């Protein structure tokens, strides 16, 4: 059984940042190890980390939610954002939005749909915190998988190579999600209160 919760202790927060460092190092997203096993400049004190915790209390997955405005996710897509979504992009940037990033899952738990559980709790957190949009850049295959399991997300720019992965920018309208798909019960995980 895997439990999903907001990282509410220093030890879980540090474990989440260590996991992100280790996964990114192994995937080649960072080119060297940091002595602290924390990637510098990748988080701030206001970030929220969601964690997946295995039965032995080990953090096996993490996802970062950042509420810093203005949004910086789309800066890399300068000139590659679709003009037809210009008003939606402006609306998302100027509303009560959050950025989703730093997804990392321990490879030994990859068959347990950890990322699905992390995104589900991100949605629940967004609803309880009255967020309007989630702003994300993610691997194109992962984006298609997110859509296939019932998420409504809009790709708002062209795919580009980012650390060896074809990555797309997207906006997730929180209040337009099909509730039955997003909140579908899964017998293999539990949530703790947000």
N, C-alpha and C. Protein backbone atom coordinates (compact mmCIF):
# COMPACT_ATOMS: atom_id res chain seq x y z
N UNK A 1 0.84 -1.19 0.00
CA UNK A 1 0.00 0.00 0.00
C UNK A 1 0.88 1.24 0.00
N UNK A 2 0.53 2.21 -0.80
CA UNK A 2 1.24 3.49 -0.89
C UNK A 2 0.31 4.58 -0.40
N UNK A 3 0.82 5.48 0.42
CA UNK A 3 0.05 6.60 0.94
C UNK A 3 0.54 7.88 0.29
N UNK A 4 -0.38 8.72 -0.12
CA UNK A 4 -0.04 10.00 -0.74
C UNK A 4 -0.42 11.12 0.21
N UNK A 5 0.49 12.04 0.42
CA UNK A 5 0.21 13.14 1.33
C UNK A 5 1.10 14.33 1.01
N UNK A 6 0.75 15.48 1.60
CA UNK A 6 1.62 16.64 1.52
C UNK A 6 2.80 16.38 2.44
N UNK A 7 4.01 16.69 1.98
CA UNK A 7 5.20 16.50 2.83
C UNK A 7 5.10 17.49 3.99
N UNK A 8 4.80 16.98 5.16
CA UNK A 8 4.54 17.85 6.30
C UNK A 8 5.59 17.74 7.39
N UNK A 9 6.72 17.15 7.06
CA UNK A 9 7.82 17.09 8.02
C UNK A 9 9.11 17.39 7.28
N UNK A 10 10.10 17.87 8.01
CA UNK A 10 11.39 18.19 7.38
C UNK A 10 12.02 16.94 6.78
N UNK A 11 11.84 15.80 7.44
CA UNK A 11 12.46 14.57 6.93
C UNK A 11 11.82 14.14 5.61
N UNK A 12 10.49 14.24 5.50
CA UNK A 12 9.82 13.88 4.25
C UNK A 12 10.15 14.86 3.12
N UNK A 13 10.26 16.14 3.48
CA UNK A 13 10.61 17.15 2.48
C UNK A 13 12.02 16.91 1.95
N UNK A 14 12.95 16.63 2.85
CA UNK A 14 14.32 16.36 2.43
C UNK A 14 14.39 15.08 1.61
N UNK A 15 13.64 14.05 2.03
CA UNK A 15 13.62 12.79 1.27
C UNK A 15 13.07 13.02 -0.14
N UNK A 16 12.06 13.89 -0.27
CA UNK A 16 11.50 14.21 -1.59
C UNK A 16 12.55 14.88 -2.47
N UNK A 17 13.30 15.80 -1.91
CA UNK A 17 14.32 16.51 -2.68
C UNK A 17 15.49 15.59 -3.03
N UNK A 18 15.82 14.66 -2.13
CA UNK A 18 16.86 13.67 -2.43
C UNK A 18 16.41 12.75 -3.57
N UNK A 19 15.15 12.32 -3.51
CA UNK A 19 14.63 11.44 -4.56
C UNK A 19 14.66 12.16 -5.91
N UNK A 20 14.24 13.41 -5.93
CA UNK A 20 14.26 14.17 -7.17
C UNK A 20 15.68 14.27 -7.72
N UNK A 21 16.63 14.57 -6.85
CA UNK A 21 18.05 14.66 -7.26
C UNK A 21 18.51 13.33 -7.86
N UNK A 22 18.24 12.23 -7.17
CA UNK A 22 18.75 10.94 -7.61
C UNK A 22 18.10 10.49 -8.93
N UNK A 23 16.80 10.69 -9.06
CA UNK A 23 16.11 10.31 -10.29
C UNK A 23 16.60 11.17 -11.46
N UNK A 24 16.74 12.46 -11.24
CA UNK A 24 17.19 13.36 -12.31
C UNK A 24 18.63 13.07 -12.71
N UNK A 25 19.46 12.69 -11.74
CA UNK A 25 20.85 12.34 -12.04
C UNK A 25 20.89 11.07 -12.89
N UNK A 26 20.15 10.06 -12.50
CA UNK A 26 20.12 8.79 -13.23
C UNK A 26 19.53 8.95 -14.63
N UNK A 27 18.60 9.89 -14.79
CA UNK A 27 17.98 10.11 -16.10
C UNK A 27 18.81 11.03 -16.99
N UNK A 28 19.85 11.66 -16.41
CA UNK A 28 20.68 12.57 -17.18
C UNK A 28 20.14 13.99 -17.24
N UNK A 29 19.13 14.31 -16.41
CA UNK A 29 18.57 15.67 -16.40
C UNK A 29 19.52 16.66 -15.73
N UNK A 30 20.34 16.16 -14.80
CA UNK A 30 21.43 16.97 -14.25
C UNK A 30 22.72 16.23 -14.56
N UNK A 31 23.80 16.98 -14.79
CA UNK A 31 25.01 16.32 -15.29
C UNK A 31 26.02 15.95 -14.22
N UNK A 32 25.74 16.26 -12.97
CA UNK A 32 26.62 15.82 -11.89
C UNK A 32 25.84 15.78 -10.57
N UNK A 33 26.37 15.03 -9.65
CA UNK A 33 25.74 14.90 -8.34
C UNK A 33 26.11 16.09 -7.46
N UNK A 34 25.17 16.54 -6.67
CA UNK A 34 25.44 17.58 -5.68
C UNK A 34 25.68 16.91 -4.33
N UNK A 35 26.65 17.42 -3.59
CA UNK A 35 27.03 16.79 -2.33
C UNK A 35 25.85 16.68 -1.37
N UNK A 36 24.98 17.69 -1.39
CA UNK A 36 23.83 17.69 -0.49
C UNK A 36 22.68 16.81 -1.00
N UNK A 37 22.78 16.32 -2.26
CA UNK A 37 21.72 15.60 -2.94
C UNK A 37 20.44 16.44 -3.04
N UNK A 38 20.65 17.76 -3.15
CA UNK A 38 19.55 18.70 -3.36
C UNK A 38 19.95 19.57 -4.54
N UNK A 39 19.08 19.65 -5.55
CA UNK A 39 19.37 20.46 -6.73
C UNK A 39 19.18 21.93 -6.36
N UNK A 40 20.23 22.72 -6.46
CA UNK A 40 20.11 24.13 -6.06
C UNK A 40 19.13 24.91 -6.93
N UNK A 41 18.43 25.83 -6.29
CA UNK A 41 17.53 26.72 -7.01
C UNK A 41 16.27 26.08 -7.53
N UNK A 42 15.99 24.85 -7.13
CA UNK A 42 14.82 24.17 -7.67
C UNK A 42 13.59 24.27 -6.79
N UNK A 43 13.71 24.91 -5.65
CA UNK A 43 12.53 25.07 -4.81
C UNK A 43 12.69 26.29 -3.93
N UNK A 44 11.57 26.74 -3.41
CA UNK A 44 11.58 27.86 -2.47
C UNK A 44 10.70 27.49 -1.28
N UNK A 45 10.75 28.25 -0.21
CA UNK A 45 10.03 27.87 1.01
C UNK A 45 8.52 27.76 0.85
N UNK A 46 7.95 28.39 -0.18
CA UNK A 46 6.50 28.34 -0.37
C UNK A 46 6.03 27.17 -1.22
N UNK A 47 6.96 26.41 -1.76
CA UNK A 47 6.57 25.25 -2.56
C UNK A 47 5.92 24.18 -1.69
N UNK A 48 5.01 23.46 -2.30
CA UNK A 48 4.36 22.33 -1.64
C UNK A 48 4.85 21.07 -2.34
N UNK A 49 5.35 20.12 -1.58
CA UNK A 49 5.76 18.84 -2.14
C UNK A 49 4.75 17.77 -1.75
N UNK A 50 4.25 17.07 -2.76
CA UNK A 50 3.40 15.91 -2.51
C UNK A 50 4.32 14.70 -2.54
N UNK A 51 4.10 13.78 -1.62
CA UNK A 51 4.96 12.60 -1.57
C UNK A 51 4.13 11.33 -1.57
N UNK A 52 4.71 10.29 -2.15
CA UNK A 52 4.17 8.94 -2.08
C UNK A 52 5.05 8.18 -1.11
N UNK A 53 4.43 7.58 -0.10
CA UNK A 53 5.19 6.91 0.96
C UNK A 53 4.83 5.44 0.98
N UNK A 54 5.85 4.61 0.88
CA UNK A 54 5.65 3.16 0.91
C UNK A 54 5.40 2.69 2.35
N UNK A 55 5.05 1.42 2.48
CA UNK A 55 4.73 0.87 3.81
C UNK A 55 5.88 0.99 4.79
N UNK A 56 7.13 0.96 4.29
CA UNK A 56 8.28 1.08 5.19
C UNK A 56 8.63 2.54 5.50
N UNK A 57 7.72 3.48 5.14
CA UNK A 57 7.87 4.91 5.39
C UNK A 57 8.88 5.60 4.47
N UNK A 58 9.32 4.93 3.41
CA UNK A 58 10.24 5.50 2.45
C UNK A 58 9.47 6.35 1.44
N UNK A 59 10.01 7.52 1.11
CA UNK A 59 9.42 8.36 0.06
C UNK A 59 9.81 7.77 -1.29
N UNK A 60 8.80 7.35 -2.07
CA UNK A 60 9.05 6.68 -3.35
C UNK A 60 8.57 7.49 -4.54
N UNK A 61 7.98 8.65 -4.28
CA UNK A 61 7.53 9.52 -5.36
C UNK A 61 7.32 10.92 -4.84
N UNK A 62 7.48 11.91 -5.72
CA UNK A 62 7.26 13.29 -5.31
C UNK A 62 6.84 14.14 -6.51
N UNK A 63 6.13 15.21 -6.21
CA UNK A 63 5.69 16.18 -7.19
C UNK A 63 5.66 17.53 -6.48
N UNK A 64 6.20 18.56 -7.13
CA UNK A 64 6.27 19.89 -6.53
C UNK A 64 5.20 20.80 -7.11
N UNK A 65 4.53 21.54 -6.22
CA UNK A 65 3.54 22.54 -6.61
C UNK A 65 4.07 23.90 -6.18
N UNK A 66 4.15 24.82 -7.12
CA UNK A 66 4.71 26.14 -6.82
C UNK A 66 3.69 27.21 -7.13
N UNK A 67 3.49 28.12 -6.19
CA UNK A 67 2.50 29.19 -6.37
C UNK A 67 3.16 30.54 -6.60
N UNK A 68 4.44 30.56 -6.90
CA UNK A 68 5.13 31.81 -7.15
C UNK A 68 4.61 32.45 -8.44
N UNK A 69 4.27 33.72 -8.38
CA UNK A 69 3.83 34.44 -9.56
C UNK A 69 4.87 35.50 -9.91
N UNK A 70 5.10 35.82 -11.17
CA UNK A 70 4.42 35.23 -12.31
C UNK A 70 4.98 33.86 -12.65
N UNK A 71 4.21 33.10 -13.36
CA UNK A 71 4.60 31.77 -13.81
C UNK A 71 5.85 31.83 -14.67
N UNK A 72 6.78 30.91 -14.44
CA UNK A 72 8.01 30.87 -15.22
C UNK A 72 8.09 29.66 -16.14
N UNK A 73 7.16 28.75 -16.01
CA UNK A 73 7.21 27.51 -16.78
C UNK A 73 7.31 27.75 -18.28
N UNK A 74 6.58 28.72 -18.78
CA UNK A 74 6.50 28.92 -20.23
C UNK A 74 7.63 29.76 -20.81
N UNK A 75 8.52 30.27 -19.96
CA UNK A 75 9.60 31.12 -20.46
C UNK A 75 10.48 30.41 -21.49
N UNK A 76 10.68 29.10 -21.33
CA UNK A 76 11.50 28.35 -22.27
C UNK A 76 10.86 28.25 -23.66
N UNK A 77 9.54 28.46 -23.74
CA UNK A 77 8.82 28.33 -25.00
C UNK A 77 8.67 29.68 -25.70
N UNK A 78 9.55 30.59 -25.44
CA UNK A 78 9.50 31.90 -26.07
C UNK A 78 9.39 31.76 -27.59
N UNK A 79 8.27 32.22 -28.14
CA UNK A 79 8.05 32.13 -29.58
C UNK A 79 7.47 30.80 -30.04
N UNK A 80 7.32 29.82 -29.15
CA UNK A 80 6.80 28.51 -29.54
C UNK A 80 5.45 28.19 -28.91
N UNK A 81 4.87 29.17 -28.21
CA UNK A 81 3.53 28.98 -27.67
C UNK A 81 2.52 29.25 -28.79
N UNK A 82 1.43 28.50 -28.80
CA UNK A 82 0.44 28.64 -29.86
C UNK A 82 -0.36 29.93 -29.67
N UNK A 83 -0.43 30.73 -30.73
CA UNK A 83 -1.12 32.02 -30.65
C UNK A 83 -2.62 31.85 -30.37
N UNK A 84 -3.20 30.73 -30.80
CA UNK A 84 -4.63 30.53 -30.58
C UNK A 84 -4.97 30.40 -29.09
N UNK A 85 -3.95 30.12 -28.25
CA UNK A 85 -4.18 30.01 -26.81
C UNK A 85 -3.67 31.23 -26.05
N UNK A 86 -3.39 32.31 -26.75
CA UNK A 86 -2.80 33.50 -26.11
C UNK A 86 -3.65 34.01 -24.95
N UNK A 87 -4.97 34.09 -25.14
CA UNK A 87 -5.82 34.62 -24.07
C UNK A 87 -5.89 33.65 -22.88
N UNK A 88 -5.92 32.35 -23.16
CA UNK A 88 -5.93 31.36 -22.07
C UNK A 88 -4.61 31.41 -21.30
N UNK A 89 -3.49 31.52 -22.01
CA UNK A 89 -2.18 31.59 -21.36
C UNK A 89 -2.11 32.83 -20.47
N UNK A 90 -2.58 33.97 -20.99
CA UNK A 90 -2.59 35.21 -20.19
C UNK A 90 -3.49 35.04 -18.97
N UNK A 91 -4.66 34.42 -19.16
CA UNK A 91 -5.58 34.21 -18.05
C UNK A 91 -4.94 33.31 -16.99
N UNK A 92 -4.30 32.24 -17.42
CA UNK A 92 -3.67 31.32 -16.47
C UNK A 92 -2.53 32.00 -15.73
N UNK A 93 -1.74 32.79 -16.43
CA UNK A 93 -0.61 33.48 -15.80
C UNK A 93 -1.07 34.51 -14.78
N UNK A 94 -2.24 35.12 -15.01
CA UNK A 94 -2.70 36.22 -14.16
C UNK A 94 -3.76 35.83 -13.14
N UNK A 95 -4.09 34.56 -13.08
CA UNK A 95 -5.12 34.13 -12.13
C UNK A 95 -4.48 33.36 -10.98
N UNK A 96 -5.31 32.75 -10.19
CA UNK A 96 -4.85 32.00 -9.02
C UNK A 96 -4.37 30.62 -9.49
N UNK A 97 -3.18 30.60 -10.10
CA UNK A 97 -2.65 29.39 -10.71
C UNK A 97 -1.47 28.84 -9.91
N UNK A 98 -1.04 27.65 -10.29
CA UNK A 98 0.14 27.04 -9.68
C UNK A 98 0.88 26.27 -10.75
N UNK A 99 2.18 26.11 -10.53
CA UNK A 99 3.01 25.34 -11.46
C UNK A 99 3.25 23.95 -10.89
N UNK A 100 3.26 22.98 -11.77
CA UNK A 100 3.47 21.59 -11.39
C UNK A 100 4.81 21.15 -11.96
N UNK A 101 5.69 20.61 -11.14
CA UNK A 101 6.99 20.20 -11.64
C UNK A 101 7.70 19.23 -10.72
N UNK A 102 8.93 18.93 -11.09
CA UNK A 102 9.82 18.07 -10.29
C UNK A 102 9.21 16.72 -9.96
N UNK A 103 8.54 16.12 -10.95
CA UNK A 103 8.01 14.77 -10.75
C UNK A 103 9.18 13.80 -10.70
N UNK A 104 9.19 12.96 -9.68
CA UNK A 104 10.22 11.92 -9.56
C UNK A 104 9.60 10.70 -8.88
N UNK A 105 9.89 9.52 -9.45
CA UNK A 105 9.38 8.27 -8.89
C UNK A 105 10.52 7.27 -8.82
N UNK A 106 10.66 6.61 -7.69
CA UNK A 106 11.65 5.55 -7.51
C UNK A 106 11.35 4.45 -8.54
N UNK A 107 12.36 4.09 -9.33
CA UNK A 107 12.15 3.13 -10.43
C UNK A 107 11.63 1.78 -9.94
N UNK A 108 11.89 1.41 -8.70
CA UNK A 108 11.41 0.14 -8.16
C UNK A 108 9.90 0.15 -7.93
N UNK A 109 9.29 1.35 -7.97
CA UNK A 109 7.86 1.47 -7.73
C UNK A 109 7.12 1.96 -8.98
N UNK A 110 7.79 1.97 -10.12
CA UNK A 110 7.19 2.55 -11.32
C UNK A 110 5.96 1.79 -11.80
N UNK A 111 5.84 0.54 -11.46
CA UNK A 111 4.67 -0.23 -11.90
C UNK A 111 3.43 0.05 -11.07
N UNK A 112 3.54 0.84 -10.02
CA UNK A 112 2.41 1.09 -9.13
C UNK A 112 1.62 2.36 -9.45
N UNK A 113 1.86 2.97 -10.59
CA UNK A 113 1.12 4.16 -11.00
C UNK A 113 1.26 5.29 -9.98
N UNK A 114 2.48 5.46 -9.48
CA UNK A 114 2.74 6.48 -8.47
C UNK A 114 2.42 7.88 -9.01
N UNK A 115 2.82 8.17 -10.25
CA UNK A 115 2.59 9.51 -10.79
C UNK A 115 1.09 9.82 -10.86
N UNK A 116 0.28 8.81 -11.17
CA UNK A 116 -1.17 9.00 -11.20
C UNK A 116 -1.68 9.43 -9.84
N UNK A 117 -1.20 8.79 -8.79
CA UNK A 117 -1.62 9.17 -7.44
C UNK A 117 -1.14 10.56 -7.06
N UNK A 118 0.08 10.92 -7.45
CA UNK A 118 0.61 12.25 -7.15
C UNK A 118 -0.23 13.33 -7.85
N UNK A 119 -0.56 13.10 -9.12
CA UNK A 119 -1.38 14.08 -9.84
C UNK A 119 -2.79 14.17 -9.27
N UNK A 120 -3.33 13.06 -8.80
CA UNK A 120 -4.64 13.08 -8.17
C UNK A 120 -4.64 13.95 -6.92
N UNK A 121 -3.61 13.79 -6.09
CA UNK A 121 -3.55 14.61 -4.88
C UNK A 121 -3.28 16.07 -5.22
N UNK A 122 -2.53 16.32 -6.28
CA UNK A 122 -2.33 17.71 -6.73
C UNK A 122 -3.67 18.34 -7.10
N UNK A 123 -4.52 17.56 -7.76
CA UNK A 123 -5.86 18.06 -8.11
C UNK A 123 -6.66 18.36 -6.85
N UNK A 124 -6.65 17.45 -5.91
CA UNK A 124 -7.40 17.66 -4.67
C UNK A 124 -6.88 18.88 -3.91
N UNK A 125 -5.55 19.04 -3.90
CA UNK A 125 -4.94 20.21 -3.25
C UNK A 125 -5.40 21.48 -3.96
N UNK A 126 -5.43 21.47 -5.29
CA UNK A 126 -5.84 22.64 -6.07
C UNK A 126 -7.28 23.02 -5.77
N UNK A 127 -8.16 22.03 -5.69
CA UNK A 127 -9.56 22.29 -5.37
C UNK A 127 -9.68 22.90 -3.98
N UNK A 128 -9.00 22.31 -3.00
CA UNK A 128 -9.12 22.81 -1.62
C UNK A 128 -8.47 24.19 -1.44
N UNK A 129 -7.55 24.55 -2.33
CA UNK A 129 -6.90 25.86 -2.25
C UNK A 129 -7.43 26.84 -3.30
N UNK A 130 -8.55 26.48 -3.93
CA UNK A 130 -9.25 27.34 -4.88
C UNK A 130 -8.36 27.83 -6.02
N UNK A 131 -7.59 26.93 -6.58
CA UNK A 131 -6.75 27.26 -7.72
C UNK A 131 -7.55 27.11 -9.01
N UNK A 132 -7.23 27.97 -9.97
CA UNK A 132 -7.96 27.95 -11.23
C UNK A 132 -7.29 27.09 -12.30
N UNK A 133 -5.96 27.18 -12.37
CA UNK A 133 -5.22 26.47 -13.42
C UNK A 133 -3.95 25.86 -12.86
N UNK A 134 -3.62 24.67 -13.38
CA UNK A 134 -2.31 24.09 -13.18
C UNK A 134 -1.50 24.34 -14.45
N UNK A 135 -0.28 24.78 -14.31
CA UNK A 135 0.60 25.07 -15.44
C UNK A 135 1.76 24.09 -15.38
N UNK A 136 2.03 23.42 -16.50
CA UNK A 136 2.98 22.31 -16.46
C UNK A 136 3.75 22.20 -17.77
N UNK A 137 4.97 21.73 -17.68
CA UNK A 137 5.67 21.24 -18.87
C UNK A 137 6.04 19.80 -18.55
N UNK A 138 5.77 18.92 -19.49
CA UNK A 138 6.00 17.50 -19.20
C UNK A 138 6.30 16.73 -20.48
N UNK A 139 6.90 15.57 -20.28
CA UNK A 139 7.20 14.68 -21.39
C UNK A 139 5.94 14.44 -22.21
N UNK A 140 6.08 14.49 -23.53
CA UNK A 140 4.92 14.38 -24.42
C UNK A 140 4.18 13.06 -24.23
N UNK A 141 4.90 11.96 -24.01
CA UNK A 141 4.23 10.67 -23.79
C UNK A 141 3.47 10.66 -22.47
N UNK A 142 4.06 11.27 -21.44
CA UNK A 142 3.38 11.34 -20.14
C UNK A 142 2.14 12.23 -20.25
N UNK A 143 2.24 13.28 -21.06
CA UNK A 143 1.08 14.16 -21.27
C UNK A 143 -0.06 13.39 -21.93
N UNK A 144 0.27 12.58 -22.94
CA UNK A 144 -0.77 11.78 -23.61
C UNK A 144 -1.37 10.76 -22.62
N UNK A 145 -0.52 10.20 -21.78
CA UNK A 145 -1.02 9.23 -20.79
C UNK A 145 -1.95 9.91 -19.80
N UNK A 146 -1.63 11.14 -19.40
CA UNK A 146 -2.48 11.90 -18.49
C UNK A 146 -3.86 12.12 -19.12
N UNK A 147 -3.87 12.46 -20.39
CA UNK A 147 -5.14 12.64 -21.10
C UNK A 147 -5.91 11.32 -21.19
N UNK A 148 -5.20 10.24 -21.43
CA UNK A 148 -5.85 8.93 -21.60
C UNK A 148 -6.55 8.45 -20.34
N UNK A 149 -6.05 8.87 -19.16
CA UNK A 149 -6.69 8.43 -17.92
C UNK A 149 -7.76 9.43 -17.44
N UNK A 150 -8.09 10.40 -18.29
CA UNK A 150 -9.24 11.23 -18.01
C UNK A 150 -9.00 12.68 -17.68
N UNK A 151 -7.77 13.14 -17.69
CA UNK A 151 -7.51 14.54 -17.40
C UNK A 151 -7.83 15.39 -18.62
N UNK A 152 -8.37 16.57 -18.37
CA UNK A 152 -8.56 17.56 -19.43
C UNK A 152 -7.42 18.55 -19.32
N UNK A 153 -6.52 18.54 -20.30
CA UNK A 153 -5.38 19.44 -20.34
C UNK A 153 -5.18 19.91 -21.76
N UNK A 154 -4.71 21.14 -21.90
CA UNK A 154 -4.51 21.73 -23.22
C UNK A 154 -3.04 21.95 -23.48
N UNK A 155 -2.53 21.35 -24.54
CA UNK A 155 -1.17 21.61 -24.96
C UNK A 155 -1.16 22.98 -25.62
N UNK A 156 -0.38 23.92 -25.06
CA UNK A 156 -0.45 25.30 -25.53
C UNK A 156 0.79 25.74 -26.31
N UNK A 157 1.64 24.79 -26.65
CA UNK A 157 2.84 25.12 -27.42
C UNK A 157 3.43 23.90 -28.08
N UNK A 158 4.40 24.14 -28.93
CA UNK A 158 5.05 23.06 -29.66
C UNK A 158 5.95 22.24 -28.73
N UNK A 159 6.07 20.95 -29.04
CA UNK A 159 6.99 20.09 -28.29
C UNK A 159 8.42 20.52 -28.61
N UNK A 160 9.29 20.44 -27.60
CA UNK A 160 10.70 20.71 -27.84
C UNK A 160 11.54 19.80 -26.97
N UNK A 161 12.78 19.61 -27.38
CA UNK A 161 13.69 18.77 -26.62
C UNK A 161 14.10 19.49 -25.35
N UNK A 162 13.88 18.84 -24.22
CA UNK A 162 14.25 19.41 -22.92
C UNK A 162 14.89 18.29 -22.11
N UNK A 163 16.19 18.38 -21.91
CA UNK A 163 16.95 17.33 -21.22
C UNK A 163 16.72 15.96 -21.83
N UNK A 164 16.70 15.90 -23.16
CA UNK A 164 16.59 14.62 -23.85
C UNK A 164 15.19 14.07 -23.96
N UNK A 165 14.19 14.87 -23.61
CA UNK A 165 12.80 14.41 -23.66
C UNK A 165 11.98 15.39 -24.49
N UNK A 166 11.11 14.88 -25.36
CA UNK A 166 10.19 15.75 -26.08
C UNK A 166 9.15 16.24 -25.08
N UNK A 167 9.20 17.51 -24.76
CA UNK A 167 8.43 18.10 -23.67
C UNK A 167 7.42 19.10 -24.23
N UNK A 168 6.22 19.12 -23.64
CA UNK A 168 5.18 20.05 -24.08
C UNK A 168 4.73 20.93 -22.93
N UNK A 169 4.36 22.19 -23.24
CA UNK A 169 3.77 23.06 -22.23
C UNK A 169 2.26 22.86 -22.22
N UNK A 170 1.65 22.88 -21.07
CA UNK A 170 0.21 22.62 -21.00
C UNK A 170 -0.43 23.39 -19.85
N UNK A 171 -1.71 23.59 -19.99
CA UNK A 171 -2.54 24.21 -18.95
C UNK A 171 -3.63 23.22 -18.58
N UNK A 172 -3.81 23.03 -17.28
CA UNK A 172 -4.86 22.15 -16.76
C UNK A 172 -5.91 23.03 -16.09
N UNK A 173 -7.08 23.21 -16.72
CA UNK A 173 -8.14 23.99 -16.09
C UNK A 173 -8.77 23.17 -14.95
N UNK A 174 -8.49 23.57 -13.74
CA UNK A 174 -8.87 22.76 -12.57
C UNK A 174 -10.37 22.54 -12.49
N UNK A 175 -11.16 23.56 -12.73
CA UNK A 175 -12.61 23.43 -12.55
C UNK A 175 -13.31 22.76 -13.72
N UNK A 176 -12.55 22.40 -14.76
CA UNK A 176 -13.15 21.74 -15.92
C UNK A 176 -12.78 20.26 -16.02
N UNK A 177 -12.28 19.69 -14.95
CA UNK A 177 -11.90 18.28 -14.98
C UNK A 177 -13.13 17.39 -14.87
N UNK A 178 -13.17 16.31 -15.63
CA UNK A 178 -14.28 15.35 -15.49
C UNK A 178 -14.14 14.61 -14.15
N UNK A 179 -14.99 14.96 -13.22
CA UNK A 179 -14.83 14.49 -11.84
C UNK A 179 -14.75 12.98 -11.72
N UNK A 180 -15.58 12.25 -12.46
CA UNK A 180 -15.61 10.80 -12.30
C UNK A 180 -14.27 10.16 -12.64
N UNK A 181 -13.58 10.70 -13.66
CA UNK A 181 -12.31 10.11 -14.06
C UNK A 181 -11.19 10.52 -13.11
N UNK A 182 -11.16 11.80 -12.75
CA UNK A 182 -10.07 12.31 -11.93
C UNK A 182 -10.12 11.74 -10.52
N UNK A 183 -11.32 11.60 -9.98
CA UNK A 183 -11.45 11.13 -8.60
C UNK A 183 -11.77 9.65 -8.50
N UNK A 184 -11.59 8.93 -9.60
CA UNK A 184 -11.89 7.50 -9.62
C UNK A 184 -11.14 6.78 -8.50
N UNK A 185 -11.83 5.98 -7.73
CA UNK A 185 -11.20 5.27 -6.61
C UNK A 185 -10.20 4.25 -7.13
N UNK A 186 -9.07 4.18 -6.47
CA UNK A 186 -8.04 3.20 -6.80
C UNK A 186 -7.77 2.37 -5.54
N UNK A 187 -7.89 1.07 -5.58
CA UNK A 187 -7.75 0.25 -4.38
C UNK A 187 -6.33 0.17 -3.85
N UNK A 188 -5.33 0.57 -4.65
CA UNK A 188 -3.95 0.34 -4.25
C UNK A 188 -3.30 1.55 -3.59
N UNK A 189 -4.04 2.67 -3.42
CA UNK A 189 -3.43 3.76 -2.68
C UNK A 189 -4.41 4.43 -1.74
N UNK A 190 -3.87 5.15 -0.78
CA UNK A 190 -4.67 5.88 0.17
C UNK A 190 -4.21 7.33 0.19
N UNK A 191 -5.13 8.22 0.51
CA UNK A 191 -4.78 9.62 0.69
C UNK A 191 -4.87 9.96 2.16
N UNK A 192 -3.99 10.82 2.60
CA UNK A 192 -4.18 11.42 3.90
C UNK A 192 -4.71 12.80 3.64
N UNK A 193 -5.39 13.34 4.60
CA UNK A 193 -6.03 14.64 4.45
C UNK A 193 -5.04 15.71 4.02
N UNK A 194 -5.48 16.56 3.10
CA UNK A 194 -4.63 17.66 2.62
C UNK A 194 -4.73 18.82 3.60
